[in-house]
Protein backbone atom coordinates (compact mmCIF):
# COMPACT_ATOMS: atom_id res chain seq x y z
CA LEU A 1 1.24 14.61 1.17
CA GLN A 2 4.49 12.79 0.38
CA LYS A 3 6.16 14.34 3.45
CA ILE A 4 3.27 13.22 5.65
CA ILE A 5 3.42 9.69 4.27
CA LYS A 6 7.20 9.51 4.75
CA SER A 7 6.85 10.57 8.40
CA TYR A 8 4.62 7.55 9.02
CA SER A 9 7.01 5.11 7.36
CA LYS A 10 8.70 4.21 10.64
CA ILE A 11 5.45 3.46 12.48
CA PRO A 12 4.92 -0.32 12.70
CA SER A 13 1.59 -1.87 11.77
CA LEU A 14 -0.97 -2.37 14.52
CA HIS A 15 -0.76 -6.16 14.28
CA LYS A 16 3.02 -5.96 14.73
CA ILE A 17 2.62 -3.77 17.81
CA LEU A 18 0.20 -6.31 19.29
CA GLY A 19 2.62 -9.14 18.56
CA ILE A 20 0.37 -10.94 16.09
CA LYS A 21 2.98 -12.24 13.68
CA TRP A 22 0.87 -14.68 11.69
CA ILE A 23 -1.43 -12.02 10.21
CA LYS A 24 -0.43 -10.36 6.96
CA LEU A 25 -2.30 -7.28 5.77
CA ILE A 26 -2.70 -7.06 2.00
CA TYR A 27 -4.37 -4.18 0.18
CA VAL A 28 -5.38 -4.41 -3.48
CA GLU A 29 -5.90 -1.00 -5.07
CA SER A 30 -8.91 -0.58 -7.33
CA PHE A 31 -8.59 -1.39 -11.03
CA ALA A 32 -10.03 2.07 -11.73
CA ARG A 33 -7.03 3.81 -10.13
CA VAL A 34 -4.74 4.21 -13.14
CA ARG A 35 -2.63 7.31 -12.37
CA THR A 36 -2.99 7.96 -8.62
CA LEU A 37 -3.87 6.01 -5.52
CA SER A 38 -7.22 6.31 -3.82
CA LEU A 39 -7.39 8.11 -0.49
CA SER A 40 -7.63 4.72 1.23
CA GLY A 41 -4.58 3.54 -0.66
CA LYS A 42 -2.57 6.63 0.29
CA LEU A 43 -3.45 6.16 3.95
CA LEU A 44 -2.77 2.42 4.05
CA LEU A 45 0.37 2.30 1.90
CA ARG A 46 2.78 2.36 4.86
CA PHE A 47 0.77 0.14 7.17
CA VAL A 48 0.14 -2.98 5.12
CA ASP A 49 2.54 -5.84 4.48
CA ARG A 50 1.78 -5.94 0.76
CA PHE A 51 0.26 -3.21 -1.39
CA ILE A 52 -0.82 -4.48 -4.78
CA VAL A 53 -1.66 -2.25 -7.73
CA GLN A 54 -3.16 -3.26 -11.07
CA TRP A 55 -1.30 -0.81 -13.32
CA PRO A 56 2.49 -0.71 -13.93
CA TYR A 57 2.55 3.11 -13.80
CA LEU A 58 1.50 3.03 -10.14
CA GLU A 59 4.32 0.65 -9.26
CA GLN A 60 6.79 3.10 -10.81
CA LYS A 61 5.25 6.04 -8.98
CA TYR A 62 5.00 4.25 -5.61
CA PRO A 63 8.00 1.90 -5.12
CA GLN A 64 6.39 0.23 -2.09
CA ALA A 65 3.61 -1.07 -4.34
CA GLU A 66 3.73 -4.35 -6.25
CA TYR A 67 2.32 -4.68 -9.74
CA LYS A 68 0.66 -8.05 -10.26
CA GLY A 69 -1.29 -7.36 -13.42
CA ILE A 70 -5.04 -7.05 -13.69
CA LEU A 71 -6.66 -9.07 -10.91
CA VAL A 72 -10.30 -8.31 -11.62
């Protein structure tokens, strides 16, 4: 799965392709996801502008993610 995700890392987001610069896509991973990302999170990780997780372990495991503490 990591190889598949890395192959998509160079694909720009849809809103960037369309030239919509003022839209930012932010994904907040579920509080329940402590050790791994959800399927939605794994698919969206490379396509969003900010990917926020609620557990520090996930930020260490996925460097693209940002840990902002518990948001719920």
